[in-house]
Amino acid sequence: MRPHAPVPEVRRRLIPIPARTHAALLAVLLATGCAQQPPKVIVKEVRVEVPVQVPVVAPTDNAARIILNANDRIRQLSPLELAQEVAPRDDAALPPGNAVQLALALMFSHNNGETFRAQTLLDQVLRDTRPEANEWRPMAQLLVDRVAEQRRMETELDKTRQARDDLQRRLDDANRKLEALKAIERSLGGPRSALDKP
């Protein structure tokens, strides 16, 4: 075995720094210590009164919402359910809101006299002097205009149907007369007419 080599001894020595360098280092250290620090954020709670406008729902807005919901519900009813909805009752005793909703249901029904009944109910709401009728008057007026238009269209449709039926009846009469003339001509045994040819 070999003996270990001796470990050299490390000596530290201070290097002399010139006074100028020493002063410059000191100035740099002081300058960095005096550098501008970011500002401290101070959070303070400040109470500010902010006016908030709360939406006010007018009674007529509420009536409009009720009618829109009733319209959606009535559109989905079967014919049997609609017939039950518009079943005859004491219309004069109905509160304004119920009268307007019934009139709306009557407008969906296409039975005889239903639009007239709806018109009567809506007129009743428009003439009502009770305070609870005030919120229903705008909707009643809107539906009165719709009922009037619907009645006008139903009248036009009835006139068109009547004219069509009258025309069909006259056409049937003309065909009967033509067939009678053909029968008479055949019975006389005369030459075959151009009308008999297929």
N, C-alpha and C. Protein backbone atom coordinates (compact mmCIF):
# COMPACT_ATOMS: atom_id res chain seq x y z
N MET A 1 0.82 -1.17 0.00
CA MET A 1 0.00 0.00 0.00
C MET A 1 0.86 1.23 0.00
N ARG A 2 0.27 2.11 -0.68
CA ARG A 2 1.03 3.36 -0.80
C ARG A 2 0.47 4.36 0.16
N PRO A 3 1.32 5.10 0.70
CA PRO A 3 0.82 6.14 1.59
C PRO A 3 0.17 7.25 0.77
N HIS A 4 -0.80 7.84 1.40
CA HIS A 4 -1.54 8.93 0.74
C HIS A 4 -0.66 10.13 0.55
N ALA A 5 -0.95 10.79 -0.54
CA ALA A 5 -0.21 12.01 -0.82
C ALA A 5 -0.70 13.10 0.11
N PRO A 6 0.18 13.96 0.47
CA PRO A 6 -0.24 15.03 1.37
C PRO A 6 -1.20 15.99 0.68
N VAL A 7 -2.22 16.45 1.39
CA VAL A 7 -3.25 17.36 0.89
C VAL A 7 -2.69 18.77 1.02
N PRO A 8 -2.69 19.53 -0.08
CA PRO A 8 -2.16 20.88 0.02
C PRO A 8 -3.06 21.75 0.89
N GLU A 9 -2.50 22.61 1.59
CA GLU A 9 -3.24 23.49 2.50
C GLU A 9 -3.66 24.74 1.73
N VAL A 10 -4.94 25.03 1.85
CA VAL A 10 -5.49 26.19 1.14
C VAL A 10 -5.44 27.36 2.09
N ARG A 11 -4.83 28.38 1.59
CA ARG A 11 -4.76 29.59 2.41
C ARG A 11 -5.56 30.67 1.73
N ARG A 12 -6.26 31.33 2.52
CA ARG A 12 -7.06 32.43 1.99
C ARG A 12 -6.36 33.72 2.32
N ARG A 13 -6.38 34.54 1.31
CA ARG A 13 -5.78 35.83 1.52
C ARG A 13 -6.73 36.91 1.10
N LEU A 14 -6.72 37.95 1.73
CA LEU A 14 -7.55 39.10 1.40
C LEU A 14 -6.81 39.92 0.37
N ILE A 15 -7.56 40.26 -0.65
CA ILE A 15 -6.99 41.09 -1.69
C ILE A 15 -7.27 42.53 -1.31
N PRO A 16 -6.32 43.33 -1.34
CA PRO A 16 -6.58 44.72 -0.99
C PRO A 16 -7.38 45.42 -2.10
N ILE A 17 -8.44 46.11 -1.70
CA ILE A 17 -9.29 46.83 -2.63
C ILE A 17 -8.93 48.30 -2.51
N PRO A 18 -8.74 48.91 -3.67
CA PRO A 18 -8.41 50.33 -3.60
C PRO A 18 -9.59 51.13 -3.04
N ALA A 19 -9.32 52.23 -2.49
CA ALA A 19 -10.33 53.07 -1.83
C ALA A 19 -11.38 53.53 -2.83
N ARG A 20 -11.01 53.80 -4.06
CA ARG A 20 -11.96 54.24 -5.06
C ARG A 20 -12.97 53.13 -5.35
N THR A 21 -12.50 51.92 -5.54
CA THR A 21 -13.38 50.80 -5.82
C THR A 21 -14.28 50.55 -4.63
N HIS A 22 -13.68 50.69 -3.45
CA HIS A 22 -14.46 50.50 -2.23
C HIS A 22 -15.60 51.52 -2.16
N ALA A 23 -15.31 52.74 -2.50
CA ALA A 23 -16.33 53.79 -2.47
C ALA A 23 -17.40 53.54 -3.54
N ALA A 24 -16.97 53.04 -4.71
CA ALA A 24 -17.94 52.76 -5.78
C ALA A 24 -18.86 51.62 -5.39
N LEU A 25 -18.29 50.55 -4.81
CA LEU A 25 -19.11 49.43 -4.35
C LEU A 25 -20.10 49.88 -3.29
N LEU A 26 -19.66 50.70 -2.41
CA LEU A 26 -20.52 51.22 -1.35
C LEU A 26 -21.64 52.06 -1.95
N ALA A 27 -21.35 52.86 -2.97
CA ALA A 27 -22.37 53.69 -3.61
C ALA A 27 -23.39 52.82 -4.34
N VAL A 28 -22.91 51.73 -5.02
CA VAL A 28 -23.83 50.82 -5.72
C VAL A 28 -24.74 50.14 -4.72
N LEU A 29 -24.17 49.67 -3.61
CA LEU A 29 -24.99 49.01 -2.59
C LEU A 29 -26.02 49.97 -2.00
N LEU A 30 -25.63 51.16 -1.76
CA LEU A 30 -26.58 52.15 -1.21
C LEU A 30 -27.65 52.51 -2.24
N ALA A 31 -27.27 52.59 -3.51
CA ALA A 31 -28.23 52.96 -4.56
C ALA A 31 -29.27 51.88 -4.74
N THR A 32 -28.84 50.61 -4.70
CA THR A 32 -29.82 49.54 -4.85
C THR A 32 -30.73 49.46 -3.64
N GLY A 33 -30.22 49.80 -2.52
CA GLY A 33 -31.06 49.81 -1.32
C GLY A 33 -32.05 50.96 -1.35
N CYS A 34 -31.71 52.01 -2.04
CA CYS A 34 -32.59 53.17 -2.12
C CYS A 34 -33.43 53.16 -3.39
N ALA A 35 -33.35 52.08 -4.15
CA ALA A 35 -34.13 52.01 -5.39
C ALA A 35 -35.62 52.10 -5.06
N GLN A 36 -36.35 52.60 -6.01
CA GLN A 36 -37.78 52.82 -5.78
C GLN A 36 -38.49 51.48 -5.63
N GLN A 37 -39.10 51.30 -4.52
CA GLN A 37 -39.86 50.09 -4.23
C GLN A 37 -41.26 50.26 -4.81
N PRO A 38 -41.92 49.16 -5.22
CA PRO A 38 -43.29 49.30 -5.71
C PRO A 38 -44.18 49.83 -4.59
N PRO A 39 -45.15 50.67 -4.98
CA PRO A 39 -45.99 51.26 -3.92
C PRO A 39 -46.81 50.18 -3.22
N LYS A 40 -46.99 50.38 -1.96
CA LYS A 40 -47.80 49.45 -1.19
C LYS A 40 -49.27 49.72 -1.52
N VAL A 41 -50.02 48.63 -1.71
CA VAL A 41 -51.44 48.76 -2.01
C VAL A 41 -52.20 48.74 -0.69
N ILE A 42 -52.90 49.81 -0.48
CA ILE A 42 -53.70 49.91 0.74
C ILE A 42 -55.16 49.80 0.33
N VAL A 43 -55.82 48.81 0.86
CA VAL A 43 -57.22 48.58 0.51
C VAL A 43 -58.08 49.18 1.61
N LYS A 44 -58.93 50.10 1.20
CA LYS A 44 -59.86 50.72 2.14
C LYS A 44 -61.27 50.41 1.68
N GLU A 45 -62.13 50.14 2.59
CA GLU A 45 -63.52 49.87 2.25
C GLU A 45 -64.27 51.20 2.25
N VAL A 46 -64.87 51.48 1.10
CA VAL A 46 -65.61 52.74 0.96
C VAL A 46 -67.04 52.38 0.61
N ARG A 47 -67.96 52.89 1.33
CA ARG A 47 -69.38 52.62 1.06
C ARG A 47 -69.92 53.75 0.18
N VAL A 48 -70.49 53.31 -0.97
CA VAL A 48 -71.05 54.27 -1.92
C VAL A 48 -72.51 53.90 -2.13
N GLU A 49 -73.37 54.85 -2.04
CA GLU A 49 -74.79 54.63 -2.28
C GLU A 49 -75.03 54.64 -3.80
N VAL A 50 -75.51 53.52 -4.33
CA VAL A 50 -75.81 53.41 -5.75
C VAL A 50 -77.31 53.23 -5.90
N PRO A 51 -77.97 54.16 -6.59
CA PRO A 51 -79.41 54.00 -6.76
C PRO A 51 -79.71 52.86 -7.74
N VAL A 52 -80.52 51.94 -7.32
CA VAL A 52 -80.90 50.80 -8.15
C VAL A 52 -82.39 50.93 -8.45
N GLN A 53 -82.70 50.90 -9.74
CA GLN A 53 -84.10 51.00 -10.12
C GLN A 53 -84.69 49.60 -10.17
N VAL A 54 -85.65 49.38 -9.33
CA VAL A 54 -86.34 48.10 -9.30
C VAL A 54 -87.48 48.17 -10.31
N PRO A 55 -87.51 47.22 -11.26
CA PRO A 55 -88.59 47.28 -12.25
C PRO A 55 -89.95 47.09 -11.58
N VAL A 56 -90.85 47.94 -11.95
CA VAL A 56 -92.20 47.87 -11.42
C VAL A 56 -93.08 47.18 -12.45
N VAL A 57 -93.76 46.17 -12.01
CA VAL A 57 -94.65 45.44 -12.91
C VAL A 57 -96.03 46.08 -12.81
N ALA A 58 -96.45 46.66 -13.90
CA ALA A 58 -97.77 47.29 -13.94
C ALA A 58 -98.84 46.19 -13.98
N PRO A 59 -100.01 46.48 -13.45
CA PRO A 59 -101.08 45.48 -13.50
C PRO A 59 -101.40 45.03 -14.92
N THR A 60 -101.30 45.94 -15.89
CA THR A 60 -101.58 45.55 -17.27
C THR A 60 -100.52 44.58 -17.79
N ASP A 61 -99.26 44.72 -17.30
CA ASP A 61 -98.21 43.75 -17.67
C ASP A 61 -98.56 42.37 -17.15
N ASN A 62 -99.06 42.32 -15.94
CA ASN A 62 -99.44 41.04 -15.34
C ASN A 62 -100.59 40.42 -16.13
N ALA A 63 -101.56 41.23 -16.53
CA ALA A 63 -102.68 40.72 -17.33
C ALA A 63 -102.18 40.17 -18.67
N ALA A 64 -101.23 40.86 -19.28
CA ALA A 64 -100.69 40.40 -20.56
C ALA A 64 -99.98 39.06 -20.40
N ARG A 65 -99.23 38.92 -19.30
CA ARG A 65 -98.55 37.64 -19.05
C ARG A 65 -99.57 36.51 -18.87
N ILE A 66 -100.63 36.79 -18.14
CA ILE A 66 -101.66 35.77 -17.90
C ILE A 66 -102.29 35.35 -19.23
N ILE A 67 -102.59 36.33 -20.09
CA ILE A 67 -103.22 36.02 -21.38
C ILE A 67 -102.26 35.24 -22.28
N LEU A 68 -100.98 35.60 -22.29
CA LEU A 68 -100.01 34.86 -23.09
C LEU A 68 -99.89 33.41 -22.63
N ASN A 69 -99.87 33.22 -21.31
CA ASN A 69 -99.81 31.85 -20.78
C ASN A 69 -101.09 31.08 -21.11
N ALA A 70 -102.24 31.75 -21.00
CA ALA A 70 -103.51 31.10 -21.34
C ALA A 70 -103.54 30.74 -22.82
N ASN A 71 -103.02 31.61 -23.67
CA ASN A 71 -102.97 31.33 -25.11
C ASN A 71 -102.14 30.07 -25.38
N ASP A 72 -100.98 29.96 -24.74
CA ASP A 72 -100.14 28.77 -24.92
C ASP A 72 -100.86 27.51 -24.43
N ARG A 73 -101.55 27.63 -23.31
CA ARG A 73 -102.25 26.47 -22.76
C ARG A 73 -103.41 26.06 -23.65
N ILE A 74 -104.17 27.02 -24.15
CA ILE A 74 -105.37 26.73 -24.96
C ILE A 74 -104.97 26.12 -26.30
N ARG A 75 -103.86 26.59 -26.88
CA ARG A 75 -103.42 26.04 -28.17
C ARG A 75 -103.12 24.55 -28.09
N GLN A 76 -102.75 24.08 -26.91
CA GLN A 76 -102.38 22.67 -26.76
C GLN A 76 -103.56 21.78 -26.36
N LEU A 77 -104.73 22.35 -26.18
CA LEU A 77 -105.89 21.56 -25.77
C LEU A 77 -106.42 20.74 -26.94
N SER A 78 -106.93 19.57 -26.61
CA SER A 78 -107.60 18.75 -27.62
C SER A 78 -108.99 19.35 -27.86
N PRO A 79 -109.67 18.99 -28.96
CA PRO A 79 -111.01 19.53 -29.21
C PRO A 79 -111.99 19.25 -28.06
N LEU A 80 -111.88 18.08 -27.43
CA LEU A 80 -112.76 17.75 -26.31
C LEU A 80 -112.48 18.65 -25.12
N GLU A 81 -111.18 18.85 -24.81
CA GLU A 81 -110.82 19.73 -23.70
C GLU A 81 -111.22 21.18 -23.99
N LEU A 82 -111.09 21.60 -25.23
CA LEU A 82 -111.50 22.95 -25.60
C LEU A 82 -113.01 23.11 -25.44
N ALA A 83 -113.76 22.09 -25.80
CA ALA A 83 -115.22 22.14 -25.65
C ALA A 83 -115.59 22.27 -24.17
N GLN A 84 -114.87 21.58 -23.30
CA GLN A 84 -115.12 21.69 -21.86
C GLN A 84 -114.74 23.08 -21.35
N GLU A 85 -113.69 23.63 -21.91
CA GLU A 85 -113.22 24.97 -21.50
C GLU A 85 -114.25 26.05 -21.82
N VAL A 86 -114.93 25.91 -22.95
CA VAL A 86 -115.87 26.95 -23.39
C VAL A 86 -117.33 26.57 -23.12
N ALA A 87 -117.52 25.57 -22.27
CA ALA A 87 -118.88 25.13 -21.98
C ALA A 87 -119.72 26.30 -21.48
N PRO A 88 -121.01 26.32 -21.82
CA PRO A 88 -121.87 27.43 -21.38
C PRO A 88 -121.88 27.57 -19.87
N ARG A 89 -121.89 28.81 -19.43
CA ARG A 89 -121.92 29.17 -18.01
C ARG A 89 -122.51 30.56 -17.88
N ASP A 90 -122.59 31.05 -16.69
CA ASP A 90 -123.14 32.39 -16.47
C ASP A 90 -122.04 33.41 -16.78
N ASP A 91 -121.97 33.82 -18.04
CA ASP A 91 -120.90 34.72 -18.48
C ASP A 91 -120.96 36.09 -17.81
N ALA A 92 -122.14 36.55 -17.45
CA ALA A 92 -122.29 37.90 -16.87
C ALA A 92 -121.65 37.97 -15.48
N ALA A 93 -121.55 36.86 -14.78
CA ALA A 93 -121.03 36.87 -13.41
C ALA A 93 -119.52 36.68 -13.35
N LEU A 94 -118.88 36.49 -14.49
CA LEU A 94 -117.44 36.23 -14.48
C LEU A 94 -116.63 37.48 -14.13
N PRO A 95 -115.56 37.33 -13.34
CA PRO A 95 -114.65 38.46 -13.12
C PRO A 95 -113.97 38.84 -14.44
N PRO A 96 -113.47 40.06 -14.56
CA PRO A 96 -112.88 40.51 -15.84
C PRO A 96 -111.77 39.60 -16.36
N GLY A 97 -110.88 39.15 -15.50
CA GLY A 97 -109.78 38.29 -15.95
C GLY A 97 -110.28 36.97 -16.52
N ASN A 98 -111.24 36.36 -15.86
CA ASN A 98 -111.80 35.10 -16.35
C ASN A 98 -112.58 35.31 -17.64
N ALA A 99 -113.26 36.46 -17.75
CA ALA A 99 -114.03 36.75 -18.96
C ALA A 99 -113.10 36.89 -20.17
N VAL A 100 -111.98 37.56 -19.99
CA VAL A 100 -111.03 37.74 -21.09
C VAL A 100 -110.43 36.39 -21.49
N GLN A 101 -110.08 35.56 -20.51
CA GLN A 101 -109.52 34.25 -20.82
C GLN A 101 -110.54 33.34 -21.51
N LEU A 102 -111.80 33.42 -21.09
CA LEU A 102 -112.84 32.63 -21.75
C LEU A 102 -113.05 33.12 -23.18
N ALA A 103 -113.01 34.42 -23.38
CA ALA A 103 -113.15 34.97 -24.74
C ALA A 103 -112.02 34.47 -25.63
N LEU A 104 -110.82 34.41 -25.08
CA LEU A 104 -109.68 33.89 -25.85
C LEU A 104 -109.92 32.43 -26.24
N ALA A 105 -110.41 31.63 -25.30
CA ALA A 105 -110.70 30.23 -25.60
C ALA A 105 -111.81 30.11 -26.65
N LEU A 106 -112.80 30.98 -26.58
CA LEU A 106 -113.89 30.96 -27.56
C LEU A 106 -113.39 31.29 -28.95
N MET A 107 -112.35 32.10 -29.03
CA MET A 107 -111.79 32.45 -30.34
C MET A 107 -111.13 31.24 -30.99
N PHE A 108 -110.67 30.28 -30.19
CA PHE A 108 -110.07 29.07 -30.74
C PHE A 108 -111.12 28.05 -31.15
N SER A 109 -112.30 28.16 -30.56
CA SER A 109 -113.38 27.23 -30.89
C SER A 109 -114.06 27.70 -32.17
N HIS A 110 -114.42 26.78 -33.03
CA HIS A 110 -115.03 27.17 -34.30
C HIS A 110 -116.48 26.74 -34.38
N ASN A 111 -117.15 26.69 -33.25
CA ASN A 111 -118.57 26.35 -33.23
C ASN A 111 -119.39 27.60 -33.57
N ASN A 112 -120.62 27.38 -33.97
CA ASN A 112 -121.51 28.50 -34.30
C ASN A 112 -121.73 29.40 -33.10
N GLY A 113 -121.63 30.67 -33.31
CA GLY A 113 -121.94 31.64 -32.27
C GLY A 113 -120.84 31.89 -31.26
N GLU A 114 -119.71 31.19 -31.34
CA GLU A 114 -118.66 31.36 -30.33
C GLU A 114 -117.96 32.71 -30.45
N THR A 115 -117.76 33.21 -31.66
CA THR A 115 -117.12 34.53 -31.78
C THR A 115 -118.06 35.62 -31.29
N PHE A 116 -119.36 35.43 -31.49
CA PHE A 116 -120.32 36.42 -30.96
C PHE A 116 -120.29 36.41 -29.44
N ARG A 117 -120.21 35.22 -28.85
CA ARG A 117 -120.13 35.10 -27.38
C ARG A 117 -118.84 35.75 -26.88
N ALA A 118 -117.73 35.54 -27.59
CA ALA A 118 -116.46 36.16 -27.20
C ALA A 118 -116.56 37.67 -27.27
N GLN A 119 -117.17 38.18 -28.34
CA GLN A 119 -117.36 39.63 -28.49
C GLN A 119 -118.17 40.19 -27.32
N THR A 120 -119.21 39.48 -26.92
CA THR A 120 -120.06 39.92 -25.82
C THR A 120 -119.27 39.97 -24.52
N LEU A 121 -118.46 38.95 -24.27
CA LEU A 121 -117.65 38.93 -23.04
C LEU A 121 -116.65 40.09 -23.01
N LEU A 122 -116.01 40.33 -24.13
CA LEU A 122 -115.01 41.41 -24.18
C LEU A 122 -115.66 42.78 -24.05
N ASP A 123 -116.81 42.96 -24.66
CA ASP A 123 -117.55 44.23 -24.49
C ASP A 123 -117.94 44.43 -23.04
N GLN A 124 -118.29 43.33 -22.37
CA GLN A 124 -118.66 43.39 -20.95
C GLN A 124 -117.47 43.88 -20.12
N VAL A 125 -116.26 43.41 -20.44
CA VAL A 125 -115.06 43.85 -19.70
C VAL A 125 -114.77 45.32 -20.00
N LEU A 126 -114.93 45.73 -21.25
CA LEU A 126 -114.66 47.13 -21.61
C LEU A 126 -115.63 48.09 -20.93
N ARG A 127 -116.86 47.65 -20.71
CA ARG A 127 -117.86 48.51 -20.05
C ARG A 127 -117.80 48.44 -18.53
N ASP A 128 -117.09 47.46 -17.98
CA ASP A 128 -117.04 47.24 -16.53
C ASP A 128 -116.38 48.44 -15.85
N THR A 129 -117.01 48.94 -14.79
CA THR A 129 -116.49 50.12 -14.09
C THR A 129 -115.74 49.76 -12.81
N ARG A 130 -115.69 48.49 -12.47
CA ARG A 130 -114.97 48.08 -11.25
C ARG A 130 -113.47 48.32 -11.44
N PRO A 131 -112.75 48.63 -10.34
CA PRO A 131 -111.31 48.90 -10.44
C PRO A 131 -110.51 47.71 -10.98
N GLU A 132 -110.90 46.48 -10.66
CA GLU A 132 -110.13 45.32 -11.12
C GLU A 132 -110.24 45.13 -12.63
N ALA A 133 -111.20 45.79 -13.26
CA ALA A 133 -111.34 45.68 -14.72
C ALA A 133 -110.32 46.56 -15.46
N ASN A 134 -109.75 47.54 -14.78
CA ASN A 134 -108.81 48.46 -15.43
C ASN A 134 -107.61 47.75 -16.04
N GLU A 135 -107.06 46.77 -15.32
CA GLU A 135 -105.86 46.08 -15.83
C GLU A 135 -106.18 45.18 -17.01
N TRP A 136 -107.45 44.81 -17.20
CA TRP A 136 -107.83 43.89 -18.27
C TRP A 136 -108.32 44.61 -19.52
N ARG A 137 -108.58 45.91 -19.43
CA ARG A 137 -109.12 46.64 -20.59
C ARG A 137 -108.20 46.63 -21.81
N PRO A 138 -106.89 46.88 -21.66
CA PRO A 138 -106.04 46.85 -22.86
C PRO A 138 -106.05 45.50 -23.57
N MET A 139 -106.01 44.42 -22.80
CA MET A 139 -106.05 43.09 -23.42
C MET A 139 -107.42 42.83 -24.05
N ALA A 140 -108.46 43.29 -23.39
CA ALA A 140 -109.81 43.12 -23.94
C ALA A 140 -109.95 43.88 -25.25
N GLN A 141 -109.38 45.08 -25.32
CA GLN A 141 -109.46 45.87 -26.54
C GLN A 141 -108.69 45.19 -27.67
N LEU A 142 -107.53 44.64 -27.36
CA LEU A 142 -106.75 43.92 -28.36
C LEU A 142 -107.55 42.73 -28.90
N LEU A 143 -108.16 41.97 -28.00
CA LEU A 143 -108.92 40.80 -28.42
C LEU A 143 -110.21 41.19 -29.14
N VAL A 144 -110.81 42.33 -28.78
CA VAL A 144 -112.01 42.81 -29.50
C VAL A 144 -111.66 43.03 -30.97
N ASP A 145 -110.50 43.64 -31.20
CA ASP A 145 -110.07 43.89 -32.58
C ASP A 145 -109.84 42.57 -33.32
N ARG A 146 -109.24 41.60 -32.63
CA ARG A 146 -109.02 40.28 -33.25
C ARG A 146 -110.33 39.57 -33.53
N VAL A 147 -111.27 39.66 -32.60
CA VAL A 147 -112.57 38.99 -32.78
C VAL A 147 -113.31 39.63 -33.95
N ALA A 148 -113.26 40.95 -34.04
CA ALA A 148 -113.93 41.63 -35.15
C ALA A 148 -113.35 41.17 -36.49
N GLU A 149 -112.03 41.06 -36.55
CA GLU A 149 -111.38 40.58 -37.78
C GLU A 149 -111.76 39.13 -38.06
N GLN A 150 -111.78 38.32 -37.02
CA GLN A 150 -112.15 36.92 -37.19
C GLN A 150 -113.59 36.78 -37.66
N ARG A 151 -114.49 37.58 -37.10
CA ARG A 151 -115.90 37.53 -37.52
C ARG A 151 -116.04 37.98 -38.98
N ARG A 152 -115.29 39.01 -39.36
CA ARG A 152 -115.33 39.47 -40.75
C ARG A 152 -114.85 38.37 -41.70
N MET A 153 -113.77 37.69 -41.31
CA MET A 153 -113.25 36.62 -42.16
C MET A 153 -114.22 35.44 -42.21
N GLU A 154 -114.87 35.13 -41.08
CA GLU A 154 -115.86 34.04 -41.07
C GLU A 154 -117.04 34.39 -41.97
N THR A 155 -117.46 35.66 -41.96
CA THR A 155 -118.55 36.10 -42.83
C THR A 155 -118.16 35.95 -44.29
N GLU A 156 -116.93 36.38 -44.63
CA GLU A 156 -116.44 36.23 -46.00
C GLU A 156 -116.36 34.76 -46.40
N LEU A 157 -115.93 33.93 -45.49
CA LEU A 157 -115.84 32.49 -45.76
C LEU A 157 -117.24 31.91 -46.00
N ASP A 158 -118.20 32.33 -45.18
CA ASP A 158 -119.59 31.85 -45.37
C ASP A 158 -120.13 32.28 -46.73
N LYS A 159 -119.84 33.52 -47.12
CA LYS A 159 -120.30 34.01 -48.44
C LYS A 159 -119.65 33.19 -49.55
N THR A 160 -118.37 32.91 -49.41
CA THR A 160 -117.66 32.13 -50.42
C THR A 160 -118.23 30.71 -50.51
N ARG A 161 -118.49 30.11 -49.36
CA ARG A 161 -119.09 28.77 -49.35
C ARG A 161 -120.47 28.78 -49.99
N GLN A 162 -121.26 29.81 -49.67
CA GLN A 162 -122.61 29.90 -50.23
C GLN A 162 -122.55 30.09 -51.75
N ALA A 163 -121.62 30.92 -52.23
CA ALA A 163 -121.47 31.11 -53.67
C ALA A 163 -121.01 29.81 -54.34
N ARG A 164 -120.09 29.09 -53.69
CA ARG A 164 -119.64 27.81 -54.24
C ARG A 164 -120.79 26.81 -54.29
N ASP A 165 -121.58 26.74 -53.22
CA ASP A 165 -122.71 25.81 -53.18
C ASP A 165 -123.75 26.18 -54.25
N ASP A 166 -123.98 27.49 -54.41
CA ASP A 166 -124.94 27.95 -55.43
C ASP A 166 -124.44 27.59 -56.83
N LEU A 167 -123.15 27.80 -57.06
CA LEU A 167 -122.56 27.45 -58.36
C LEU A 167 -122.64 25.94 -58.60
N GLN A 168 -122.35 25.15 -57.56
CA GLN A 168 -122.43 23.69 -57.70
C GLN A 168 -123.87 23.25 -57.99
N ARG A 169 -124.84 23.88 -57.34
CA ARG A 169 -126.25 23.55 -57.57
C ARG A 169 -126.65 23.89 -59.01
N ARG A 170 -126.23 25.05 -59.50
CA ARG A 170 -126.54 25.43 -60.88
C ARG A 170 -125.87 24.48 -61.87
N LEU A 171 -124.64 24.08 -61.58
CA LEU A 171 -123.93 23.14 -62.43
C LEU A 171 -124.65 21.78 -62.45
N ASP A 172 -125.09 21.33 -61.28
CA ASP A 172 -125.84 20.08 -61.21
C ASP A 172 -127.16 20.18 -61.99
N ASP A 173 -127.86 21.33 -61.88
CA ASP A 173 -129.11 21.54 -62.65
C ASP A 173 -128.83 21.50 -64.15
N ALA A 174 -127.74 22.15 -64.55
CA ALA A 174 -127.40 22.17 -65.98
C ALA A 174 -127.07 20.76 -66.47
N ASN A 175 -126.36 19.98 -65.66
CA ASN A 175 -126.05 18.59 -66.03
C ASN A 175 -127.32 17.74 -66.12
N ARG A 176 -128.27 17.95 -65.21
CA ARG A 176 -129.54 17.21 -65.27
C ARG A 176 -130.32 17.56 -66.53
N LYS A 177 -130.36 18.83 -66.85
CA LYS A 177 -131.08 19.26 -68.06
C LYS A 177 -130.42 18.68 -69.30
N LEU A 178 -129.08 18.67 -69.32
CA LEU A 178 -128.35 18.12 -70.45
C LEU A 178 -128.65 16.62 -70.59
N GLU A 179 -128.62 15.91 -69.49
CA GLU A 179 -128.93 14.49 -69.53
C GLU A 179 -130.38 14.25 -69.98
N ALA A 180 -131.30 15.11 -69.55
CA ALA A 180 -132.71 14.99 -69.98
C ALA A 180 -132.82 15.22 -71.47
N LEU A 181 -132.11 16.21 -72.00
CA LEU A 181 -132.13 16.47 -73.44
C LEU A 181 -131.55 15.29 -74.21
N LYS A 182 -130.48 14.70 -73.70
CA LYS A 182 -129.89 13.53 -74.35
C LYS A 182 -130.89 12.37 -74.37
N ALA A 183 -131.59 12.19 -73.25
CA ALA A 183 -132.58 11.10 -73.16
C ALA A 183 -133.71 11.31 -74.15
N ILE A 184 -134.16 12.56 -74.30
CA ILE A 184 -135.24 12.86 -75.25
C ILE A 184 -134.76 12.59 -76.66
N GLU A 185 -133.55 13.02 -76.97
CA GLU A 185 -133.00 12.82 -78.30
C GLU A 185 -132.87 11.32 -78.62
N ARG A 186 -132.42 10.53 -77.65
CA ARG A 186 -132.29 9.08 -77.86
C ARG A 186 -133.67 8.43 -78.05
N SER A 187 -134.65 8.94 -77.31
CA SER A 187 -136.00 8.34 -77.43
C SER A 187 -136.63 8.65 -78.79
N LEU A 188 -136.25 9.74 -79.39
CA LEU A 188 -136.78 10.09 -80.70
C LEU A 188 -136.09 9.27 -81.81
N GLY A 189 -134.98 8.65 -81.46
CA GLY A 189 -134.29 7.79 -82.41
C GLY A 189 -133.54 8.55 -83.47
N GLY A 190 -133.27 9.77 -83.26
CA GLY A 190 -132.56 10.56 -84.23
C GLY A 190 -131.08 10.22 -84.25
N PRO A 191 -130.37 10.87 -85.17
CA PRO A 191 -128.93 10.60 -85.25
C PRO A 191 -128.24 10.96 -83.93
N ARG A 192 -127.17 10.33 -83.69
CA ARG A 192 -126.43 10.55 -82.45
C ARG A 192 -125.80 11.95 -82.46
N SER A 193 -126.00 12.68 -81.38
CA SER A 193 -125.49 14.05 -81.33
C SER A 193 -124.05 14.07 -80.92
N ALA A 194 -123.44 15.20 -81.12
CA ALA A 194 -122.03 15.37 -80.75
C ALA A 194 -121.88 15.30 -79.23
N LEU A 195 -122.97 15.56 -78.51
CA LEU A 195 -122.89 15.54 -77.04
C LEU A 195 -122.78 14.10 -76.50
N ASP A 196 -123.31 13.13 -77.25
CA ASP A 196 -123.27 11.75 -76.80
C ASP A 196 -121.92 11.09 -77.05
N LYS A 197 -121.15 11.62 -77.94
CA LYS A 197 -119.88 11.01 -78.28
C LYS A 197 -118.91 11.13 -77.09
N PRO A 198 -118.22 10.01 -76.87
CA PRO A 198 -117.29 10.06 -75.72
C PRO A 198 -116.08 10.90 -75.99
